[in-house]
Amino acid sequence: MHVIIVVGSKHGSTRSIAEAVGEVLRHRGINVTTVDADAASASLAGYDAAVIGSAVYVGRWMKGAQAFLDANRESLRNMPLWLFSSGPLGEGPKHPDDLAEIRGFAADVHAKDHQIFAGKLDKADLSFAERAAVRIVHAPYGDAREWGRIRSWAETIASELSDPMGSMPTSTTATQ
């Protein structure tokens, strides 16, 4: 079993989530390749499943992650696929249905699940314009990533990949 994890991350927080997912899958004996969305090739040949995640800015996935999804739509329809979004802090989207563009894509390719994980916002990582946007939307600084929840989700993926006919249900809901 070979899984590709494609991640769109601007400041590294979302990449850390992808790496944690990959670590769990590797621990369960699954071969994992993690690539940045901007550097990902348009071919999924040789992969049995995919996990794709992106940081969320102003309610949208990063351009590289969205471009990867668009370029690989047909291939992704034919393999197990899990999606995650990262970044909402404070009063941001908490449910996958809040991200309309991803909701539509997830339905189109029959993604097994889409989770939204809280992210990390460090003032030192931000540009002047980004700090201004944070002030406008009143987003709190800090690290709100829930590592236990992230690893639990990755365990669910590993279980399903190990036993695709198993009884573990998947959902398209997220809990915060």
C-alpha atoms as a PDB file:
ATOM      1  CA  MET A   1       0.000   0.000   0.000  1.00  0.00           C
ATOM      2  CA  HIS A   2       1.459   3.357  -1.053  1.00  0.00           C
ATOM      3  CA  VAL A   3      -0.261   6.575   0.039  1.00  0.00           C
ATOM      4  CA  ILE A   4       0.526  10.071  -1.149  1.00  0.00           C
ATOM      5  CA  ILE A   5      -0.063  12.950   1.229  1.00  0.00           C
ATOM      6  CA  VAL A   6      -0.263  16.266  -0.615  1.00  0.00           C
ATOM      7  CA  VAL A   7      -0.205  19.391   1.526  1.00  0.00           C
ATOM      8  CA  GLY A   8      -0.668  23.104   0.904  1.00  0.00           C
ATOM      9  CA  SER A   9       1.015  24.935   3.774  1.00  0.00           C
ATOM     10  CA  LYS A  10       2.233  28.516   3.889  1.00  0.00           C
ATOM     11  CA  HIS A  11       3.853  28.756   7.318  1.00  0.00           C
ATOM     12  CA  GLY A  12       4.349  25.054   8.170  1.00  0.00           C
ATOM     13  CA  SER A  13       1.442  24.400  10.524  1.00  0.00           C
ATOM     14  CA  THR A  14      -0.563  22.397   8.003  1.00  0.00           C
ATOM     15  CA  ARG A  15       2.586  20.575   6.899  1.00  0.00           C
ATOM     16  CA  SER A  16       3.075  19.466  10.529  1.00  0.00           C
ATOM     17  CA  ILE A  17      -0.435  17.992  10.508  1.00  0.00           C
ATOM     18  CA  ALA A  18       0.328  16.123   7.272  1.00  0.00           C
ATOM     19  CA  GLU A  19       3.555  14.803   8.775  1.00  0.00           C
ATOM     20  CA  ALA A  20       1.698  13.574  11.868  1.00  0.00           C
ATOM     21  CA  VAL A  21      -0.800  11.731   9.651  1.00  0.00           C
ATOM     22  CA  GLY A  22       2.088  10.221   7.680  1.00  0.00           C
ATOM     23  CA  GLU A  23       3.833   9.130  10.873  1.00  0.00           C
ATOM     24  CA  VAL A  24       0.745   7.213  12.024  1.00  0.00           C
ATOM     25  CA  LEU A  25       0.310   5.549   8.628  1.00  0.00           C
ATOM     26  CA  ARG A  26       3.997   4.537   8.506  1.00  0.00           C
ATOM     27  CA  HIS A  27       3.737   3.114  12.018  1.00  0.00           C
ATOM     28  CA  ARG A  28       0.889   0.938  10.710  1.00  0.00           C
ATOM     29  CA  GLY A  29       3.104  -0.398   7.885  1.00  0.00           C
ATOM     30  CA  ILE A  30       1.858   1.841   5.084  1.00  0.00           C
ATOM     31  CA  ASN A  31       4.353   3.354   2.640  1.00  0.00           C
ATOM     32  CA  VAL A  32       3.851   7.146   2.633  1.00  0.00           C
ATOM     33  CA  THR A  33       5.169   9.945   0.446  1.00  0.00           C
ATOM     34  CA  THR A  34       4.473  13.509   1.599  1.00  0.00           C
ATOM     35  CA  VAL A  35       4.786  16.284  -0.976  1.00  0.00           C
ATOM     36  CA  ASP A  36       4.059  19.992  -1.073  1.00  0.00           C
ATOM     37  CA  ALA A  37       1.093  20.805  -3.301  1.00  0.00           C
ATOM     38  CA  ASP A  38       3.063  23.405  -5.237  1.00  0.00           C
ATOM     39  CA  ALA A  39       5.731  20.800  -6.092  1.00  0.00           C
ATOM     40  CA  ALA A  40       3.423  17.805  -6.609  1.00  0.00           C
ATOM     41  CA  SER A  41       3.382  16.249 -10.041  1.00  0.00           C
ATOM     42  CA  ALA A  42       0.099  15.809 -11.838  1.00  0.00           C
ATOM     43  CA  SER A  43       0.475  12.009 -11.812  1.00  0.00           C
ATOM     44  CA  LEU A  44      -0.834   9.713  -9.127  1.00  0.00           C
ATOM     45  CA  ALA A  45       0.536   6.605 -10.851  1.00  0.00           C
ATOM     46  CA  GLY A  46       1.887   4.157  -8.307  1.00  0.00           C
ATOM     47  CA  TYR A  47      -0.254   5.381  -5.422  1.00  0.00           C
ATOM     48  CA  ASP A  48      -3.119   3.374  -3.936  1.00  0.00           C
ATOM     49  CA  ALA A  49      -4.705   6.162  -1.879  1.00  0.00           C
ATOM     50  CA  ALA A  50      -4.368   9.879  -1.181  1.00  0.00           C
ATOM     51  CA  VAL A  51      -4.670  12.283   1.721  1.00  0.00           C
ATOM     52  CA  ILE A  52      -4.819  15.915   0.660  1.00  0.00           C
ATOM     53  CA  GLY A  53      -4.836  18.871   2.995  1.00  0.00           C
ATOM     54  CA  SER A  54      -4.524  22.599   2.852  1.00  0.00           C
ATOM     55  CA  ALA A  55      -4.318  25.617   5.050  1.00  0.00           C
ATOM     56  CA  VAL A  56      -7.471  27.702   4.845  1.00  0.00           C
ATOM     57  CA  TYR A  57      -7.182  31.429   4.199  1.00  0.00           C
ATOM     58  CA  VAL A  58     -10.325  33.539   4.012  1.00  0.00           C
ATOM     59  CA  GLY A  59     -12.402  30.373   3.717  1.00  0.00           C
ATOM     60  CA  ARG A  60     -10.440  28.941   0.769  1.00  0.00           C
ATOM     61  CA  TRP A  61      -7.777  26.313   0.227  1.00  0.00           C
ATOM     62  CA  MET A  62      -4.367  27.440  -0.990  1.00  0.00           C
ATOM     63  CA  LYS A  63      -4.004  27.734  -4.774  1.00  0.00           C
ATOM     64  CA  GLY A  64      -1.450  24.906  -5.065  1.00  0.00           C
ATOM     65  CA  ALA A  65      -3.661  22.411  -3.236  1.00  0.00           C
ATOM     66  CA  GLN A  66      -6.720  23.415  -5.255  1.00  0.00           C
ATOM     67  CA  ALA A  67      -4.733  23.154  -8.493  1.00  0.00           C
ATOM     68  CA  PHE A  68      -3.553  19.657  -7.523  1.00  0.00           C
ATOM     69  CA  LEU A  69      -7.150  18.590  -6.872  1.00  0.00           C
ATOM     70  CA  ASP A  70      -8.308  20.009 -10.195  1.00  0.00           C
ATOM     71  CA  ALA A  71      -5.435  18.437 -12.167  1.00  0.00           C
ATOM     72  CA  ASN A  72      -6.019  15.011 -10.621  1.00  0.00           C
ATOM     73  CA  ARG A  73      -9.813  14.905 -10.401  1.00  0.00           C
ATOM     74  CA  GLU A  74     -10.197  11.779 -12.574  1.00  0.00           C
ATOM     75  CA  SER A  75      -7.461   9.799 -10.801  1.00  0.00           C
ATOM     76  CA  LEU A  76      -8.779  10.771  -7.372  1.00  0.00           C
ATOM     77  CA  ARG A  77     -12.225   9.407  -8.267  1.00  0.00           C
ATOM     78  CA  ASN A  78     -10.641   5.967  -8.586  1.00  0.00           C
ATOM     79  CA  MET A  79      -8.790   5.728  -5.295  1.00  0.00           C
ATOM     80  CA  PRO A  80      -9.551   6.106  -1.596  1.00  0.00           C
ATOM     81  CA  LEU A  81      -9.237   9.790  -0.736  1.00  0.00           C
ATOM     82  CA  TRP A  82      -9.304  11.721   2.524  1.00  0.00           C
ATOM     83  CA  LEU A  83      -9.240  15.522   2.791  1.00  0.00           C
ATOM     84  CA  PHE A  84      -8.369  17.876   5.605  1.00  0.00           C
ATOM     85  CA  SER A  85      -8.422  21.611   6.060  1.00  0.00           C
ATOM     86  CA  SER A  86      -6.374  23.468   8.629  1.00  0.00           C
ATOM     87  CA  GLY A  87      -6.300  26.934   9.994  1.00  0.00           C
ATOM     88  CA  PRO A  88      -9.538  28.084  11.460  1.00  0.00           C
ATOM     89  CA  LEU A  89      -9.006  29.641  14.857  1.00  0.00           C
ATOM     90  CA  GLY A  90     -11.590  31.434  16.894  1.00  0.00           C
ATOM     91  CA  GLU A  91     -14.873  31.731  15.031  1.00  0.00           C
ATOM     92  CA  GLY A  92     -13.718  30.267  11.687  1.00  0.00           C
ATOM     93  CA  PRO A  93     -15.359  27.359   9.845  1.00  0.00           C
ATOM     94  CA  LYS A  94     -15.788  24.334  12.070  1.00  0.00           C
ATOM     95  CA  HIS A  95     -17.711  22.065   9.725  1.00  0.00           C
ATOM     96  CA  PRO A  96     -16.662  20.850   6.243  1.00  0.00           C
ATOM     97  CA  ASP A  97     -19.865  22.260   4.748  1.00  0.00           C
ATOM     98  CA  ASP A  98     -18.541  25.742   5.604  1.00  0.00           C
ATOM     99  CA  LEU A  99     -15.919  25.358   2.855  1.00  0.00           C
ATOM    100  CA  ALA A 100     -18.183  25.247  -0.200  1.00  0.00           C
ATOM    101  CA  GLU A 101     -15.476  24.694  -2.817  1.00  0.00           C
ATOM    102  CA  ILE A 102     -14.047  21.700  -0.979  1.00  0.00           C
ATOM    103  CA  ARG A 103     -17.507  20.330  -0.175  1.00  0.00           C
ATOM    104  CA  GLY A 104     -18.265  20.284  -3.900  1.00  0.00           C
ATOM    105  CA  PHE A 105     -14.984  18.651  -4.796  1.00  0.00           C
ATOM    106  CA  ALA A 106     -15.300  16.055  -2.004  1.00  0.00           C
ATOM    107  CA  ALA A 107     -18.740  15.049  -3.263  1.00  0.00           C
ATOM    108  CA  ASP A 108     -17.567  14.920  -6.887  1.00  0.00           C
ATOM    109  CA  VAL A 109     -14.687  12.521  -6.197  1.00  0.00           C
ATOM    110  CA  HIS A 110     -16.453  10.613  -3.409  1.00  0.00           C
ATOM    111  CA  ALA A 111     -13.892  11.491  -0.743  1.00  0.00           C
ATOM    112  CA  LYS A 112     -14.205   9.188   2.233  1.00  0.00           C
ATOM    113  CA  ASP A 113     -13.916  12.026   4.719  1.00  0.00           C
ATOM    114  CA  HIS A 114     -13.078  15.695   5.124  1.00  0.00           C
ATOM    115  CA  GLN A 115     -11.950  16.974   8.493  1.00  0.00           C
ATOM    116  CA  ILE A 116     -11.279  20.507   9.614  1.00  0.00           C
ATOM    117  CA  PHE A 117      -8.497  20.868  12.152  1.00  0.00           C
ATOM    118  CA  ALA A 118      -7.763  24.033  14.065  1.00  0.00           C
ATOM    119  CA  GLY A 119      -4.415  25.487  13.158  1.00  0.00           C
ATOM    120  CA  LYS A 120      -1.615  27.604  14.507  1.00  0.00           C
ATOM    121  CA  LEU A 121      -1.190  31.336  14.147  1.00  0.00           C
ATOM    122  CA  ASP A 122       2.169  32.816  15.138  1.00  0.00           C
ATOM    123  CA  LYS A 123       2.512  36.587  14.793  1.00  0.00           C
ATOM    124  CA  ALA A 124       6.239  36.250  14.081  1.00  0.00           C
ATOM    125  CA  ASP A 125       5.499  34.213  10.924  1.00  0.00           C
ATOM    126  CA  LEU A 126       3.141  36.750   9.397  1.00  0.00           C
ATOM    127  CA  SER A 127       3.715  39.583   6.982  1.00  0.00           C
ATOM    128  CA  PHE A 128       2.390  43.068   7.706  1.00  0.00           C
ATOM    129  CA  ALA A 129      -0.629  42.429   5.446  1.00  0.00           C
ATOM    130  CA  GLU A 130      -1.354  39.096   7.129  1.00  0.00           C
ATOM    131  CA  ARG A 131      -1.185  40.680  10.592  1.00  0.00           C
ATOM    132  CA  ALA A 132      -3.659  43.344   9.409  1.00  0.00           C
ATOM    133  CA  ALA A 133      -6.033  40.638   8.145  1.00  0.00           C
ATOM    134  CA  VAL A 134      -5.780  38.831  11.484  1.00  0.00           C
ATOM    135  CA  ARG A 135      -6.748  42.043  13.284  1.00  0.00           C
ATOM    136  CA  ILE A 136      -9.722  42.572  10.958  1.00  0.00           C
ATOM    137  CA  VAL A 137     -11.161  39.089  11.537  1.00  0.00           C
ATOM    138  CA  HIS A 138     -10.160  39.043  15.225  1.00  0.00           C
ATOM    139  CA  ALA A 139      -8.386  35.674  14.887  1.00  0.00           C
ATOM    140  CA  PRO A 140      -6.503  34.674  18.022  1.00  0.00           C
ATOM    141  CA  TYR A 141      -2.803  33.870  17.972  1.00  0.00           C
ATOM    142  CA  GLY A 142      -1.639  30.536  19.299  1.00  0.00           C
ATOM    143  CA  ASP A 143      -1.440  26.839  18.528  1.00  0.00           C
ATOM    144  CA  ALA A 144      -4.870  25.199  18.587  1.00  0.00           C
ATOM    145  CA  ARG A 145      -3.913  21.985  16.789  1.00  0.00           C
ATOM    146  CA  GLU A 146      -5.439  18.956  18.508  1.00  0.00           C
ATOM    147  CA  TRP A 147      -2.762  16.307  18.033  1.00  0.00           C
ATOM    148  CA  GLY A 148      -4.801  13.521  19.628  1.00  0.00           C
ATOM    149  CA  ARG A 149      -7.719  14.157  17.275  1.00  0.00           C
ATOM    150  CA  ILE A 150      -5.382  14.361  14.269  1.00  0.00           C
ATOM    151  CA  ARG A 151      -3.678  11.064  15.138  1.00  0.00           C
ATOM    152  CA  SER A 152      -7.016   9.400  15.827  1.00  0.00           C
ATOM    153  CA  TRP A 153      -8.220  10.420  12.359  1.00  0.00           C
ATOM    154  CA  ALA A 154      -5.006   9.026  10.849  1.00  0.00           C
ATOM    155  CA  GLU A 155      -5.588   5.735  12.715  1.00  0.00           C
ATOM    156  CA  THR A 156      -9.053   5.572  11.151  1.00  0.00           C
ATOM    157  CA  ILE A 157      -7.492   6.016   7.702  1.00  0.00           C
ATOM    158  CA  ALA A 158      -4.909   3.307   8.423  1.00  0.00           C
ATOM    159  CA  SER A 159      -7.615   0.916   9.625  1.00  0.00           C
ATOM    160  CA  GLU A 160      -9.704   1.468   6.544  1.00  0.00           C
ATOM    161  CA  LEU A 161      -6.720   0.996   4.249  1.00  0.00           C
ATOM    162  CA  SER A 162      -5.809  -2.207   6.068  1.00  0.00           C
ATOM    163  CA  ASP A 163      -9.383  -3.528   5.871  1.00  0.00           C
ATOM    164  CA  PRO A 164     -11.246  -1.670   3.100  1.00  0.00           C
ATOM    165  CA  MET A 165     -14.309  -3.910   3.550  1.00  0.00           C
ATOM    166  CA  GLY A 166     -14.291  -3.425   7.321  1.00  0.00           C
ATOM    167  CA  SER A 167     -17.149  -2.030   9.301  1.00  0.00           C
ATOM    168  CA  MET A 168     -15.529   1.259  10.252  1.00  0.00           C
ATOM    169  CA  PRO A 169     -17.850   3.976   9.006  1.00  0.00           C
ATOM    170  CA  THR A 170     -16.517   7.183   7.577  1.00  0.00           C
ATOM    171  CA  SER A 171     -18.257  10.500   7.772  1.00  0.00           C
ATOM    172  CA  THR A 172     -18.151  13.923   6.278  1.00  0.00           C
ATOM    173  CA  THR A 173     -18.643  15.703   9.571  1.00  0.00           C
ATOM    174  CA  ALA A 174     -16.095  17.323  11.776  1.00  0.00           C
ATOM    175  CA  THR A 175     -16.190  18.024  15.434  1.00  0.00           C
ATOM    176  CA  GLN A 176     -14.256  20.783  17.087  1.00  0.00           C
END
